Amino acid sequence: MKTITSIPLLLAATINLTGCNEADTSRPPKTVGWFFEHRDELAVALKACRDNPGELAKTPNCVNANEARNKVTVQEMKDALR
């Protein structure tokens, strides 16, 4: 009888934990190019990534925002040398 009640409990716990750690797929991540073209949104994304790096640092938006920031920096350096 103990096994009969523990199986449904184990199954319920497994189902509840299945969604943890999954990325938010309701909105697709922004691309590096998108962030490069939208500097205001880039600044907002970078601030959010800096404010919560433990949770957000490896998300696609933070990775892409950081890469876009690198490209912006390189572009600004090139422009300064002209």
Protein backbone atom coordinates (compact mmCIF):
# COMPACT_ATOMS: atom_id res chain seq x y z
CA MET A 1 0.00 0.00 0.00
CA LYS A 2 2.90 2.35 0.75
CA THR A 3 4.27 1.87 -2.78
CA ILE A 4 0.89 2.57 -4.35
CA THR A 5 0.68 6.03 -2.75
CA SER A 6 4.31 6.96 -3.27
CA ILE A 7 4.25 6.34 -7.04
CA PRO A 8 1.62 9.05 -7.76
CA LEU A 9 3.44 11.46 -5.45
CA LEU A 10 6.73 10.84 -7.23
CA LEU A 11 5.06 11.25 -10.60
CA ALA A 12 3.44 14.54 -9.53
CA ALA A 13 6.75 15.90 -8.25
CA THR A 14 8.50 14.96 -11.48
CA ILE A 15 5.86 16.69 -13.60
CA ASN A 16 6.03 19.85 -11.47
CA LEU A 17 9.80 20.06 -11.73
CA THR A 18 9.91 19.46 -15.47
CA GLY A 19 9.36 23.14 -16.28
CA CYS A 20 12.01 24.51 -13.92
CA ASN A 21 15.14 25.93 -15.57
CA GLU A 22 13.53 26.14 -19.00
CA ALA A 23 14.02 29.38 -20.87
CA ASP A 24 11.06 31.65 -21.44
CA THR A 25 9.97 30.62 -24.92
CA SER A 26 6.98 32.97 -25.07
CA ARG A 27 9.23 35.66 -26.55
CA PRO A 28 12.09 34.72 -28.86
CA PRO A 29 15.47 36.18 -27.89
CA LYS A 30 16.70 39.32 -29.63
CA THR A 31 19.62 38.91 -32.01
CA VAL A 32 22.99 40.63 -31.78
CA GLY A 33 22.10 42.69 -34.85
CA TRP A 34 18.79 43.74 -33.31
CA PHE A 35 20.53 44.95 -30.16
CA PHE A 36 23.17 46.70 -32.29
CA GLU A 37 20.43 48.64 -34.09
CA HIS A 38 18.40 49.38 -30.93
CA ARG A 39 20.87 50.98 -28.53
CA ASP A 40 18.27 52.06 -25.94
CA GLU A 41 16.98 48.50 -25.59
CA LEU A 42 20.57 47.27 -25.50
CA ALA A 43 21.25 49.50 -22.48
CA VAL A 44 18.13 48.21 -20.72
CA ALA A 45 19.07 44.58 -21.39
CA LEU A 46 22.65 45.09 -20.22
CA LYS A 47 21.45 46.70 -16.98
CA ALA A 48 19.07 43.79 -16.33
CA CYS A 49 21.88 41.31 -17.00
CA ARG A 50 24.24 43.15 -14.64
CA ASP A 51 21.59 43.45 -11.93
CA ASN A 52 20.91 39.69 -11.84
CA PRO A 53 23.89 37.84 -13.35
CA GLY A 54 23.29 34.66 -11.39
CA GLU A 55 19.97 34.09 -13.08
CA LEU A 56 20.32 35.93 -16.39
CA ALA A 57 23.99 35.89 -17.43
CA LYS A 58 23.73 32.81 -19.63
CA THR A 59 20.34 33.56 -21.15
CA PRO A 60 20.28 34.16 -24.92
CA ASN A 61 19.31 37.82 -24.52
CA CYS A 62 22.19 38.55 -22.15
CA VAL A 63 24.70 36.69 -24.30
CA ASN A 64 23.48 38.53 -27.41
CA ALA A 65 23.36 41.90 -25.63
CA ASN A 66 26.95 41.48 -24.42
CA GLU A 67 28.10 40.54 -27.90
CA ALA A 68 26.28 43.57 -29.34
CA ARG A 69 27.97 45.78 -26.72
CA ASN A 70 31.34 44.44 -27.89
CA LYS A 71 30.45 45.25 -31.51
CA VAL A 72 29.29 48.75 -30.53
CA THR A 73 32.59 49.34 -28.73
CA VAL A 74 34.60 48.19 -31.76
CA GLN A 75 32.48 50.37 -34.07
CA GLU A 76 32.96 53.41 -31.80
CA MET A 77 36.72 52.82 -31.74
CA LYS A 78 36.82 52.61 -35.55
CA ASP A 79 34.75 55.78 -35.83
CA ALA A 80 37.08 57.59 -33.41
CA LEU A 81 40.11 56.73 -35.55
CA ARG A 82 38.63 58.28 -38.69
